[in-house]
PDB file of N, CA and C in Angstrom:
ATOM      1  N   MET A   1     -57.786  50.032  -0.971  1.00  0.00           N
ATOM      2  CA  MET A   1     -56.369  50.280  -1.144  1.00  0.00           C
ATOM      3  C   MET A   1     -55.691  50.481   0.206  1.00  0.00           C
ATOM      4  N   ALA A   2     -56.325  51.257   1.068  1.00  0.00           N
ATOM      5  CA  ALA A   2     -55.767  51.517   2.399  1.00  0.00           C
ATOM      6  C   ALA A   2     -55.687  50.229   3.203  1.00  0.00           C
ATOM      7  N   MET A   3     -56.654  49.340   2.979  1.00  0.00           N
ATOM      8  CA  MET A   3     -56.656  48.077   3.696  1.00  0.00           C
ATOM      9  C   MET A   3     -55.462  47.222   3.293  1.00  0.00           C
ATOM     10  N   LYS A   4     -55.122  47.204   1.986  1.00  0.00           N
ATOM     11  CA  LYS A   4     -53.959  46.444   1.509  1.00  0.00           C
ATOM     12  C   LYS A   4     -52.676  46.985   2.129  1.00  0.00           C
ATOM     13  N   ILE A   5     -52.577  48.293   2.252  1.00  0.00           N
ATOM     14  CA  ILE A   5     -51.383  48.923   2.834  1.00  0.00           C
ATOM     15  C   ILE A   5     -51.283  48.541   4.313  1.00  0.00           C
ATOM     16  N   ASN A   6     -52.422  48.571   5.017  1.00  0.00           N
ATOM     17  CA  ASN A   6     -52.422  48.202   6.439  1.00  0.00           C
ATOM     18  C   ASN A   6     -52.011  46.744   6.636  1.00  0.00           C
ATOM     19  N   ILE A   7     -52.534  45.868   5.808  1.00  0.00           N
ATOM     20  CA  ILE A   7     -52.179  44.447   5.903  1.00  0.00           C
ATOM     21  C   ILE A   7     -50.696  44.261   5.593  1.00  0.00           C
ATOM     22  N   THR A   8     -50.209  44.937   4.560  1.00  0.00           N
ATOM     23  CA  THR A   8     -48.796  44.843   4.201  1.00  0.00           C
ATOM     24  C   THR A   8     -47.920  45.342   5.350  1.00  0.00           C
ATOM     25  N   LEU A   9     -48.296  46.466   5.941  1.00  0.00           N
ATOM     26  CA  LEU A   9     -47.528  47.002   7.070  1.00  0.00           C
ATOM     27  C   LEU A   9     -47.548  46.045   8.258  1.00  0.00           C
ATOM     28  N   CYS A  10     -48.701  45.441   8.517  1.00  0.00           N
ATOM     29  CA  CYS A  10     -48.801  44.463   9.617  1.00  0.00           C
ATOM     30  C   CYS A  10     -47.887  43.263   9.380  1.00  0.00           C
ATOM     31  N   ILE A  11     -47.871  42.793   8.142  1.00  0.00           N
ATOM     32  CA  ILE A  11     -47.010  41.664   7.802  1.00  0.00           C
ATOM     33  C   ILE A  11     -45.544  42.032   7.994  1.00  0.00           C
ATOM     34  N   ILE A  12     -45.157  43.205   7.543  1.00  0.00           N
ATOM     35  CA  ILE A  12     -43.766  43.659   7.688  1.00  0.00           C
ATOM     36  C   ILE A  12     -43.397  43.782   9.160  1.00  0.00           C
ATOM     37  N   ILE A  13     -44.297  44.371   9.951  1.00  0.00           N
ATOM     38  CA  ILE A  13     -44.029  44.526  11.381  1.00  0.00           C
ATOM     39  C   ILE A  13     -43.928  43.163  12.065  1.00  0.00           C
ATOM     40  N   CYS A  14     -44.790  42.238  11.708  1.00  0.00           N
ATOM     41  CA  CYS A  14     -44.749  40.887  12.302  1.00  0.00           C
ATOM     42  C   CYS A  14     -43.425  40.194  11.990  1.00  0.00           C
ATOM     43  N   PHE A  15     -42.976  40.276  10.740  1.00  0.00           N
ATOM     44  CA  PHE A  15     -41.703  39.655  10.375  1.00  0.00           C
ATOM     45  C   PHE A  15     -40.549  40.292  11.146  1.00  0.00           C
ATOM     46  N   GLN A  16     -40.611  41.608  11.334  1.00  0.00           N
ATOM     47  CA  GLN A  16     -39.570  42.291  12.094  1.00  0.00           C
ATOM     48  C   GLN A  16     -39.571  41.817  13.546  1.00  0.00           C
ATOM     49  N   LEU A  17     -40.751  41.667  14.135  1.00  0.00           N
ATOM     50  CA  LEU A  17     -40.842  41.189  15.514  1.00  0.00           C
ATOM     51  C   LEU A  17     -40.350  39.758  15.645  1.00  0.00           C
ATOM     52  N   ILE A  18     -40.697  38.928  14.685  1.00  0.00           N
ATOM     53  CA  ILE A  18     -40.243  37.537  14.708  1.00  0.00           C
ATOM     54  C   ILE A  18     -38.725  37.484  14.621  1.00  0.00           C
ATOM     55  N   ASN A  19     -38.134  38.261  13.733  1.00  0.00           N
ATOM     56  CA  ASN A  19     -36.684  38.284  13.593  1.00  0.00           C
ATOM     57  C   ASN A  19     -35.990  38.762  14.862  1.00  0.00           C
ATOM     58  N   CYS A  20     -36.615  39.650  15.608  1.00  0.00           N
ATOM     59  CA  CYS A  20     -36.023  40.159  16.843  1.00  0.00           C
ATOM     60  C   CYS A  20     -36.105  39.135  17.965  1.00  0.00           C
ATOM     61  N   THR A  21     -37.135  38.285  17.944  1.00  0.00           N
ATOM     62  CA  THR A  21     -37.326  37.353  19.043  1.00  0.00           C
ATOM     63  C   THR A  21     -36.712  35.990  18.788  1.00  0.00           C
ATOM     64  N   VAL A  22     -36.314  35.691  17.582  1.00  0.00           N
ATOM     65  CA  VAL A  22     -35.683  34.417  17.288  1.00  0.00           C
ATOM     66  C   VAL A  22     -34.295  34.425  17.906  1.00  0.00           C
ATOM     67  N   PRO A  23     -33.971  33.399  18.733  1.00  0.00           N
ATOM     68  CA  PRO A  23     -32.653  33.389  19.353  1.00  0.00           C
ATOM     69  C   PRO A  23     -31.559  33.291  18.294  1.00  0.00           C
ATOM     70  N   LYS A  24     -30.544  34.061  18.504  1.00  0.00           N
ATOM     71  CA  LYS A  24     -29.408  34.045  17.579  1.00  0.00           C
ATOM     72  C   LYS A  24     -28.559  32.814  17.865  1.00  0.00           C
ATOM     73  N   LYS A  25     -27.930  32.308  16.856  1.00  0.00           N
ATOM     74  CA  LYS A  25     -27.051  31.163  17.013  1.00  0.00           C
ATOM     75  C   LYS A  25     -25.869  31.572  17.869  1.00  0.00           C
ATOM     76  N   SER A  26     -25.528  30.708  18.785  1.00  0.00           N
ATOM     77  CA  SER A  26     -24.439  31.002  19.713  1.00  0.00           C
ATOM     78  C   SER A  26     -23.119  31.140  18.972  1.00  0.00           C
ATOM     79  N   SER A  27     -22.310  32.059  19.439  1.00  0.00           N
ATOM     80  CA  SER A  27     -21.010  32.246  18.810  1.00  0.00           C
ATOM     81  C   SER A  27     -19.941  31.359  19.447  1.00  0.00           C
ATOM     82  N   THR A  28     -20.341  30.539  20.447  1.00  0.00           N
ATOM     83  CA  THR A  28     -19.372  29.648  21.067  1.00  0.00           C
ATOM     84  C   THR A  28     -19.071  28.503  20.116  1.00  0.00           C
ATOM     85  N   PRO A  29     -17.824  28.072  20.091  1.00  0.00           N
ATOM     86  CA  PRO A  29     -17.452  26.988  19.184  1.00  0.00           C
ATOM     87  C   PRO A  29     -18.179  25.694  19.531  1.00  0.00           C
ATOM     88  N   ASP A  30     -18.335  24.861  18.550  1.00  0.00           N
ATOM     89  CA  ASP A  30     -19.005  23.580  18.717  1.00  0.00           C
ATOM     90  C   ASP A  30     -17.940  22.525  19.018  1.00  0.00           C
ATOM     91  N   TYR A  31     -17.706  22.262  20.307  1.00  0.00           N
ATOM     92  CA  TYR A  31     -16.667  21.328  20.721  1.00  0.00           C
ATOM     93  C   TYR A  31     -17.172  19.893  20.701  1.00  0.00           C
ATOM     94  N   SER A  32     -16.269  18.968  20.436  1.00  0.00           N
ATOM     95  CA  SER A  32     -16.608  17.549  20.545  1.00  0.00           C
ATOM     96  C   SER A  32     -16.646  17.178  22.027  1.00  0.00           C
ATOM     97  N   VAL A  33     -17.174  16.013  22.326  1.00  0.00           N
ATOM     98  CA  VAL A  33     -17.254  15.540  23.708  1.00  0.00           C
ATOM     99  C   VAL A  33     -15.855  15.459  24.321  1.00  0.00           C
ATOM    100  N   ILE A  34     -14.898  14.929  23.584  1.00  0.00           N
ATOM    101  CA  ILE A  34     -13.523  14.803  24.083  1.00  0.00           C
ATOM    102  C   ILE A  34     -12.965  16.181  24.422  1.00  0.00           C
ATOM    103  N   GLU A  35     -13.182  17.147  23.552  1.00  0.00           N
ATOM    104  CA  GLU A  35     -12.698  18.509  23.800  1.00  0.00           C
ATOM    105  C   GLU A  35     -13.382  19.121  25.021  1.00  0.00           C
ATOM    106  N   GLN A  36     -14.683  18.871  25.175  1.00  0.00           N
ATOM    107  CA  GLN A  36     -15.406  19.391  26.337  1.00  0.00           C
ATOM    108  C   GLN A  36     -14.840  18.816  27.629  1.00  0.00           C
ATOM    109  N   ILE A  37     -14.549  17.529  27.617  1.00  0.00           N
ATOM    110  CA  ILE A  37     -13.996  16.868  28.805  1.00  0.00           C
ATOM    111  C   ILE A  37     -12.617  17.451  29.121  1.00  0.00           C
ATOM    112  N   GLN A  38     -11.792  17.628  28.099  1.00  0.00           N
ATOM    113  CA  GLN A  38     -10.462  18.198  28.311  1.00  0.00           C
ATOM    114  C   GLN A  38     -10.541  19.624  28.842  1.00  0.00           C
ATOM    115  N   ILE A  39     -11.438  20.426  28.300  1.00  0.00           N
ATOM    116  CA  ILE A  39     -11.599  21.805  28.750  1.00  0.00           C
ATOM    117  C   ILE A  39     -12.048  21.834  30.213  1.00  0.00           C
ATOM    118  N   ASP A  40     -12.993  20.969  30.569  1.00  0.00           N
ATOM    119  CA  ASP A  40     -13.455  20.931  31.953  1.00  0.00           C
ATOM    120  C   ASP A  40     -12.335  20.530  32.914  1.00  0.00           C
ATOM    121  N   ARG A  41     -11.483  19.623  32.499  1.00  0.00           N
ATOM    122  CA  ARG A  41     -10.344  19.236  33.360  1.00  0.00           C
ATOM    123  C   ARG A  41      -9.368  20.398  33.496  1.00  0.00           C
ATOM    124  N   GLU A  42      -9.044  21.046  32.376  1.00  0.00           N
ATOM    125  CA  GLU A  42      -8.109  22.175  32.408  1.00  0.00           C
ATOM    126  C   GLU A  42      -8.637  23.313  33.271  1.00  0.00           C
ATOM    127  N   ASN A  43      -9.956  23.504  33.281  1.00  0.00           N
ATOM    128  CA  ASN A  43     -10.573  24.575  34.076  1.00  0.00           C
ATOM    129  C   ASN A  43     -10.838  24.152  35.516  1.00  0.00           C
ATOM    130  N   GLY A  44     -10.509  22.906  35.858  1.00  0.00           N
ATOM    131  CA  GLY A  44     -10.724  22.429  37.219  1.00  0.00           C
ATOM    132  C   GLY A  44     -12.164  22.098  37.543  1.00  0.00           C
ATOM    133  N   ASN A  45     -12.989  21.906  36.531  1.00  0.00           N
ATOM    134  CA  ASN A  45     -14.407  21.602  36.751  1.00  0.00           C
ATOM    135  C   ASN A  45     -14.656  20.136  37.056  1.00  0.00           C
ATOM    136  N   ILE A  46     -13.713  19.270  36.697  1.00  0.00           N
ATOM    137  CA  ILE A  46     -13.831  17.844  37.006  1.00  0.00           C
ATOM    138  C   ILE A  46     -12.500  17.356  37.557  1.00  0.00           C
ATOM    139  N   SER A  47     -12.559  16.314  38.365  1.00  0.00           N
ATOM    140  CA  SER A  47     -11.351  15.740  38.959  1.00  0.00           C
ATOM    141  C   SER A  47     -10.593  14.911  37.931  1.00  0.00           C
ATOM    142  N   THR A  48      -9.380  14.554  38.280  1.00  0.00           N
ATOM    143  CA  THR A  48      -8.576  13.701  37.397  1.00  0.00           C
ATOM    144  C   THR A  48      -9.244  12.348  37.212  1.00  0.00           C
ATOM    145  N   ASP A  49      -9.772  11.785  38.302  1.00  0.00           N
ATOM    146  CA  ASP A  49     -10.461  10.494  38.191  1.00  0.00           C
ATOM    147  C   ASP A  49     -11.671  10.596  37.258  1.00  0.00           C
ATOM    148  N   ASP A  50     -12.453  11.663  37.408  1.00  0.00           N
ATOM    149  CA  ASP A  50     -13.607  11.848  36.511  1.00  0.00           C
ATOM    150  C   ASP A  50     -13.148  12.028  35.070  1.00  0.00           C
ATOM    151  N   TYR A  51     -12.072  12.755  34.868  1.00  0.00           N
ATOM    152  CA  TYR A  51     -11.545  12.981  33.519  1.00  0.00           C
ATOM    153  C   TYR A  51     -11.271  11.647  32.824  1.00  0.00           C
ATOM    154  N   TYR A  52     -10.523  10.772  33.490  1.00  0.00           N
ATOM    155  CA  TYR A  52     -10.193   9.493  32.856  1.00  0.00           C
ATOM    156  C   TYR A  52     -11.402   8.564  32.777  1.00  0.00           C
ATOM    157  N   THR A  53     -12.309   8.684  33.722  1.00  0.00           N
ATOM    158  CA  THR A  53     -13.544   7.895  33.654  1.00  0.00           C
ATOM    159  C   THR A  53     -14.371   8.330  32.450  1.00  0.00           C
ATOM    160  N   PHE A  54     -14.528   9.644  32.256  1.00  0.00           N
ATOM    161  CA  PHE A  54     -15.312  10.146  31.128  1.00  0.00           C
ATOM    162  C   PHE A  54     -14.644   9.833  29.795  1.00  0.00           C
ATOM    163  N   LEU A  55     -13.305   9.875  29.757  1.00  0.00           N
ATOM    164  CA  LEU A  55     -12.611   9.478  28.525  1.00  0.00           C
ATOM    165  C   LEU A  55     -12.904   8.013  28.213  1.00  0.00           C
ATOM    166  N   THR A  56     -12.871   7.176  29.249  1.00  0.00           N
ATOM    167  CA  THR A  56     -13.174   5.750  29.052  1.00  0.00           C
ATOM    168  C   THR A  56     -14.592   5.578  28.538  1.00  0.00           C
ATOM    169  N   TYR A  57     -15.533   6.285  29.149  1.00  0.00           N
ATOM    170  CA  TYR A  57     -16.915   6.209  28.688  1.00  0.00           C
ATOM    171  C   TYR A  57     -17.040   6.666  27.238  1.00  0.00           C
ATOM    172  N   SER A  58     -16.271   7.680  26.850  1.00  0.00           N
ATOM    173  CA  SER A  58     -16.387   8.202  25.483  1.00  0.00           C
ATOM    174  C   SER A  58     -15.985   7.156  24.450  1.00  0.00           C
ATOM    175  N   VAL A  59     -15.156   6.217  24.869  1.00  0.00           N
ATOM    176  CA  VAL A  59     -14.717   5.164  23.948  1.00  0.00           C
ATOM    177  C   VAL A  59     -15.614   3.932  24.051  1.00  0.00           C
ATOM    178  N   PHE A  60     -15.941   3.522  25.281  1.00  0.00           N
ATOM    179  CA  PHE A  60     -16.595   2.231  25.475  1.00  0.00           C
ATOM    180  C   PHE A  60     -18.069   2.285  25.887  1.00  0.00           C
ATOM    181  N   ALA A  61     -18.507   3.371  26.504  1.00  0.00           N
ATOM    182  CA  ALA A  61     -19.866   3.389  27.050  1.00  0.00           C
ATOM    183  C   ALA A  61     -20.429   4.805  27.027  1.00  0.00           C
ATOM    184  N   GLN A  62     -20.672   5.317  25.836  1.00  0.00           N
ATOM    185  CA  GLN A  62     -21.143   6.702  25.690  1.00  0.00           C
ATOM    186  C   GLN A  62     -22.422   6.977  26.489  1.00  0.00           C
ATOM    187  N   GLU A  63     -23.239   5.955  26.666  1.00  0.00           N
ATOM    188  CA  GLU A  63     -24.495   6.153  27.383  1.00  0.00           C
ATOM    189  C   GLU A  63     -24.276   6.474  28.868  1.00  0.00           C
ATOM    190  N   LEU A  64     -23.081   6.232  29.387  1.00  0.00           N
ATOM    191  CA  LEU A  64     -22.785   6.525  30.788  1.00  0.00           C
ATOM    192  C   LEU A  64     -22.251   7.944  31.006  1.00  0.00           C
ATOM    193  N   LEU A  65     -21.953   8.637  29.921  1.00  0.00           N
ATOM    194  CA  LEU A  65     -21.465  10.014  30.058  1.00  0.00           C
ATOM    195  C   LEU A  65     -22.555  10.901  30.655  1.00  0.00           C
ATOM    196  N   PRO A  66     -22.176  11.865  31.502  1.00  0.00           N
ATOM    197  CA  PRO A  66     -23.176  12.823  31.994  1.00  0.00           C
ATOM    198  C   PRO A  66     -23.830  13.546  30.817  1.00  0.00           C
ATOM    199  N   LYS A  67     -25.063  13.959  30.994  1.00  0.00           N
ATOM    200  CA  LYS A  67     -25.814  14.615  29.916  1.00  0.00           C
ATOM    201  C   LYS A  67     -25.068  15.806  29.342  1.00  0.00           C
ATOM    202  N   LYS A  68     -24.279  16.459  30.170  1.00  0.00           N
ATOM    203  CA  LYS A  68     -23.502  17.611  29.725  1.00  0.00           C
ATOM    204  C   LYS A  68     -22.615  17.255  28.521  1.00  0.00           C
ATOM    205  N   TYR A  69     -22.169  16.004  28.464  1.00  0.00           N
ATOM    206  CA  TYR A  69     -21.260  15.570  27.409  1.00  0.00           C
ATOM    207  C   TYR A  69     -21.962  14.771  26.313  1.00  0.00           C
ATOM    208  N   ASN A  70     -23.272  14.818  26.270  1.00  0.00           N
ATOM    209  CA  ASN A  70     -24.005  14.122  25.217  1.00  0.00           C
ATOM    210  C   ASN A  70     -24.040  14.984  23.966  1.00  0.00           C
ATOM    211  N   GLY A  71     -22.940  15.032  23.281  1.00  0.00           N
ATOM    212  CA  GLY A  71     -22.836  15.786  22.043  1.00  0.00           C
ATOM    213  C   GLY A  71     -22.191  14.902  21.002  1.00  0.00           C
ATOM    214  N   LYS A  72     -21.580  15.553  20.044  1.00  0.00           N
ATOM    215  CA  LYS A  72     -20.929  14.774  18.991  1.00  0.00           C
ATOM    216  C   LYS A  72     -19.573  14.285  19.501  1.00  0.00           C
ATOM    217  N   LEU A  73     -19.345  13.017  19.281  1.00  0.00           N
ATOM    218  CA  LEU A  73     -18.062  12.445  19.679  1.00  0.00           C
ATOM    219  C   LEU A  73     -16.979  12.859  18.704  1.00  0.00           C
ATOM    220  N   GLY A  74     -17.366  13.139  17.495  1.00  0.00           N
ATOM    221  CA  GLY A  74     -16.365  13.484  16.495  1.00  0.00           C
ATOM    222  C   GLY A  74     -15.598  12.230  16.104  1.00  0.00           C
ATOM    223  N   GLN A  75     -14.881  12.338  15.047  1.00  0.00           N
ATOM    224  CA  GLN A  75     -14.078  11.191  14.640  1.00  0.00           C
ATOM    225  C   GLN A  75     -12.793  11.207  15.445  1.00  0.00           C
ATOM    226  N   HIS A  76     -12.547  10.112  16.103  1.00  0.00           N
ATOM    227  CA  HIS A  76     -11.314  10.012  16.869  1.00  0.00           C
ATOM    228  C   HIS A  76     -10.839   8.574  16.869  1.00  0.00           C
ATOM    229  N   ASP A  77      -9.553   8.426  16.971  1.00  0.00           N
ATOM    230  CA  ASP A  77      -8.945   7.117  17.089  1.00  0.00           C
ATOM    231  C   ASP A  77      -8.888   6.810  18.579  1.00  0.00           C
ATOM    232  N   ALA A  78      -9.489   5.717  18.990  1.00  0.00           N
ATOM    233  CA  ALA A  78      -9.568   5.382  20.403  1.00  0.00           C
ATOM    234  C   ALA A  78      -8.218   4.959  20.982  1.00  0.00           C
ATOM    235  N   THR A  79      -7.298   4.491  20.159  1.00  0.00           N
ATOM    236  CA  THR A  79      -6.033   3.976  20.665  1.00  0.00           C
ATOM    237  C   THR A  79      -5.262   5.002  21.494  1.00  0.00           C
ATOM    238  N   PRO A  80      -5.066   6.238  21.042  1.00  0.00           N
ATOM    239  CA  PRO A  80      -4.340   7.190  21.892  1.00  0.00           C
ATOM    240  C   PRO A  80      -5.068   7.488  23.208  1.00  0.00           C
ATOM    241  N   ILE A  81      -6.381   7.498  23.186  1.00  0.00           N
ATOM    242  CA  ILE A  81      -7.144   7.742  24.407  1.00  0.00           C
ATOM    243  C   ILE A  81      -6.944   6.587  25.378  1.00  0.00           C
ATOM    244  N   ILE A  82      -7.032   5.371  24.873  1.00  0.00           N
ATOM    245  CA  ILE A  82      -6.848   4.193  25.720  1.00  0.00           C
ATOM    246  C   ILE A  82      -5.438   4.175  26.300  1.00  0.00           C
ATOM    247  N   MET A  83      -4.431   4.485  25.494  1.00  0.00           N
ATOM    248  CA  MET A  83      -3.046   4.503  25.986  1.00  0.00           C
ATOM    249  C   MET A  83      -2.873   5.591  27.048  1.00  0.00           C
ATOM    250  N   GLN A  84      -3.507   6.727  26.857  1.00  0.00           N
ATOM    251  CA  GLN A  84      -3.435   7.813  27.841  1.00  0.00           C
ATOM    252  C   GLN A  84      -4.026   7.346  29.175  1.00  0.00           C
ATOM    253  N   ILE A  85      -5.142   6.658  29.122  1.00  0.00           N
ATOM    254  CA  ILE A  85      -5.794   6.152  30.334  1.00  0.00           C
ATOM    255  C   ILE A  85      -4.916   5.087  30.992  1.00  0.00           C
ATOM    256  N   LYS A  86      -4.340   4.207  30.188  1.00  0.00           N
ATOM    257  CA  LYS A  86      -3.483   3.150  30.745  1.00  0.00           C
ATOM    258  C   LYS A  86      -2.261   3.739  31.445  1.00  0.00           C
ATOM    259  N   ARG A  87      -1.670   4.789  30.860  1.00  0.00           N
ATOM    260  CA  ARG A  87      -0.510   5.414  31.488  1.00  0.00           C
ATOM    261  C   ARG A  87      -0.883   6.079  32.812  1.00  0.00           C
ATOM    262  N   ALA A  88      -2.069   6.637  32.865  1.00  0.00           N
ATOM    263  CA  ALA A  88      -2.507   7.337  34.079  1.00  0.00           C
ATOM    264  C   ALA A  88      -3.102   6.392  35.120  1.00  0.00           C
ATOM    265  N   PHE A  89      -3.359   5.181  34.745  1.00  0.00           N
ATOM    266  CA  PHE A  89      -4.068   4.226  35.594  1.00  0.00           C
ATOM    267  C   PHE A  89      -3.504   4.146  37.018  1.00  0.00           C
ATOM    268  N   PRO A  90      -2.174   4.019  37.208  1.00  0.00           N
ATOM    269  CA  PRO A  90      -1.639   3.901  38.574  1.00  0.00           C
ATOM    270  C   PRO A  90      -1.880   5.149  39.432  1.00  0.00           C
ATOM    271  N   THR A  91      -2.139   6.294  38.815  1.00  0.00           N
ATOM    272  CA  THR A  91      -2.338   7.533  39.572  1.00  0.00           C
ATOM    273  C   THR A  91      -3.789   7.709  40.016  1.00  0.00           C
ATOM    274  N   LEU A  92      -4.679   6.865  39.529  1.00  0.00           N
ATOM    275  CA  LEU A  92      -6.102   6.984  39.850  1.00  0.00           C
ATOM    276  C   LEU A  92      -6.408   6.295  41.176  1.00  0.00           C
ATOM    277  N   SER A  93      -7.499   6.693  41.792  1.00  0.00           N
ATOM    278  CA  SER A  93      -7.905   6.080  43.059  1.00  0.00           C
ATOM    279  C   SER A  93      -8.211   4.603  42.845  1.00  0.00           C
ATOM    280  N   GLN A  94      -8.130   3.839  43.915  1.00  0.00           N
ATOM    281  CA  GLN A  94      -8.421   2.401  43.830  1.00  0.00           C
ATOM    282  C   GLN A  94      -9.858   2.169  43.354  1.00  0.00           C
ATOM    283  N   LYS A  95     -10.767   3.001  43.824  1.00  0.00           N
ATOM    284  CA  LYS A  95     -12.173   2.866  43.420  1.00  0.00           C
ATOM    285  C   LYS A  95     -12.316   3.077  41.911  1.00  0.00           C
ATOM    286  N   THR A  96     -11.665   4.114  41.382  1.00  0.00           N
ATOM    287  CA  THR A  96     -11.736   4.389  39.941  1.00  0.00           C
ATOM    288  C   THR A  96     -11.056   3.287  39.150  1.00  0.00           C
ATOM    289  N   GLN A  97      -9.904   2.822  39.622  1.00  0.00           N
ATOM    290  CA  GLN A  97      -9.224   1.724  38.932  1.00  0.00           C
ATOM    291  C   GLN A  97     -10.118   0.494  38.850  1.00  0.00           C
ATOM    292  N   LYS A  98     -10.745   0.156  39.957  1.00  0.00           N
ATOM    293  CA  LYS A  98     -11.627  -1.020  39.983  1.00  0.00           C
ATOM    294  C   LYS A  98     -12.774  -0.851  38.980  1.00  0.00           C
ATOM    295  N   HIS A  99     -13.342   0.354  38.947  1.00  0.00           N
ATOM    296  CA  HIS A  99     -14.456   0.614  38.026  1.00  0.00           C
ATOM    297  C   HIS A  99     -14.007   0.541  36.565  1.00  0.00           C
ATOM    298  N   LEU A 100     -12.843   1.109  36.258  1.00  0.00           N
ATOM    299  CA  LEU A 100     -12.384   1.170  34.866  1.00  0.00           C
ATOM    300  C   LEU A 100     -11.844  -0.161  34.349  1.00  0.00           C
ATOM    301  N   ARG A 101     -11.502  -1.089  35.239  1.00  0.00           N
ATOM    302  CA  ARG A 101     -10.953  -2.390  34.801  1.00  0.00           C
ATOM    303  C   ARG A 101     -11.909  -3.154  33.890  1.00  0.00           C
ATOM    304  N   GLN A 102     -13.180  -2.861  33.949  1.00  0.00           N
ATOM    305  CA  GLN A 102     -14.104  -3.577  33.064  1.00  0.00           C
ATOM    306  C   GLN A 102     -13.889  -3.192  31.604  1.00  0.00           C
ATOM    307  N   TRP A 103     -13.203  -2.070  31.366  1.00  0.00           N
ATOM    308  CA  TRP A 103     -12.915  -1.630  29.999  1.00  0.00           C
ATOM    309  C   TRP A 103     -11.419  -1.523  29.711  1.00  0.00           C
ATOM    310  N   ILE A 104     -10.644  -1.154  30.717  1.00  0.00           N
ATOM    311  CA  ILE A 104      -9.221  -0.869  30.525  1.00  0.00           C
ATOM    312  C   ILE A 104      -8.375  -1.851  31.313  1.00  0.00           C
ATOM    313  N   ASN A 105      -7.452  -2.501  30.629  1.00  0.00           N
ATOM    314  CA  ASN A 105      -6.458  -3.322  31.309  1.00  0.00           C
ATOM    315  C   ASN A 105      -5.222  -2.465  31.516  1.00  0.00           C
ATOM    316  N   PRO A 106      -4.806  -2.275  32.779  1.00  0.00           N
ATOM    317  CA  PRO A 106      -3.641  -1.412  32.996  1.00  0.00           C
ATOM    318  C   PRO A 106      -2.395  -1.968  32.331  1.00  0.00           C
ATOM    319  N   LEU A 107      -1.474  -1.073  32.046  1.00  0.00           N
ATOM    320  CA  LEU A 107      -0.204  -1.508  31.467  1.00  0.00           C
ATOM    321  C   LEU A 107       0.535  -2.371  32.478  1.00  0.00           C
ATOM    322  N   PRO A 108       1.255  -3.391  32.004  1.00  0.00           N
ATOM    323  CA  PRO A 108       2.040  -4.197  32.948  1.00  0.00           C
ATOM    324  C   PRO A 108       3.183  -3.350  33.506  1.00  0.00           C
ATOM    325  N   PRO A 109       3.684  -3.712  34.689  1.00  0.00           N
ATOM    326  CA  PRO A 109       4.800  -2.944  35.234  1.00  0.00           C
ATOM    327  C   PRO A 109       6.022  -3.044  34.317  1.00  0.00           C
ATOM    328  N   LYS A 110       6.817  -1.984  34.357  1.00  0.00           N
ATOM    329  CA  LYS A 110       8.025  -1.983  33.528  1.00  0.00           C
ATOM    330  C   LYS A 110       8.985  -3.048  34.047  1.00  0.00           C
ATOM    331  N   PRO A 111       9.622  -3.783  33.142  1.00  0.00           N
ATOM    332  CA  PRO A 111      10.581  -4.806  33.595  1.00  0.00           C
ATOM    333  C   PRO A 111      11.811  -4.135  34.207  1.00  0.00           C
ATOM    334  N   ASN A 112      12.365  -4.822  35.178  1.00  0.00           N
ATOM    335  CA  ASN A 112      13.590  -4.313  35.795  1.00  0.00           C
ATOM    336  C   ASN A 112      14.762  -4.495  34.838  1.00  0.00           C
ATOM    337  N   LYS A 113      15.620  -3.491  34.816  1.00  0.00           N
ATOM    338  CA  LYS A 113      16.827  -3.615  34.004  1.00  0.00           C
ATOM    339  C   LYS A 113      17.847  -4.404  34.797  1.00  0.00           C
ATOM    340  N   GLN A 114      18.529  -5.270  34.115  1.00  0.00           N
ATOM    341  CA  GLN A 114      19.532  -6.088  34.779  1.00  0.00           C
ATOM    342  C   GLN A 114      20.646  -5.207  35.311  1.00  0.00           C
ATOM    343  N   GLY A 115      21.072  -5.490  36.533  1.00  0.00           N
ATOM    344  CA  GLY A 115      22.168  -4.758  37.120  1.00  0.00           C
ATOM    345  C   GLY A 115      21.747  -3.470  37.796  1.00  0.00           C
ATOM    346  N   VAL A 116      20.443  -3.128  37.749  1.00  0.00           N
ATOM    347  CA  VAL A 116      19.971  -1.915  38.396  1.00  0.00           C
ATOM    348  C   VAL A 116      19.285  -2.293  39.688  1.00  0.00           C
ATOM    349  N   LYS A 117      19.764  -1.720  40.808  1.00  0.00           N
ATOM    350  CA  LYS A 117      19.171  -2.017  42.107  1.00  0.00           C
ATOM    351  C   LYS A 117      17.933  -1.160  42.308  1.00  0.00           C
ATOM    352  N   GLN A 118      16.975  -1.747  42.967  1.00  0.00           N
ATOM    353  CA  GLN A 118      15.717  -1.020  43.203  1.00  0.00           C
ATOM    354  C   GLN A 118      15.687  -0.446  44.585  1.00  0.00           C
TER     355      GLN A 118
END
């Protein structure tokens, strides 16, 4: 009888120890890759050129994203992302523009309005 009690107590103690050593699930939110990239830009962790490069990769070449961003892409419509990149295209470095041209065609220049001097 005493042996059964000892075994039972050992089992209870083992389960308690296991529960204490199992890592708790993180309370940090589960962000999508796009959200992670945006947060890093807002926090100054990545440059503007990297931001638009990573956004481009998230749409066209996920395998090129840094491992840090290898998470869930989430459901997203690529059109607003592509338009955002196209609008920012002239502000990016020449090197970044050249690299992104394989996926993004920049917006054409705005037409001149008649009668407006440049």
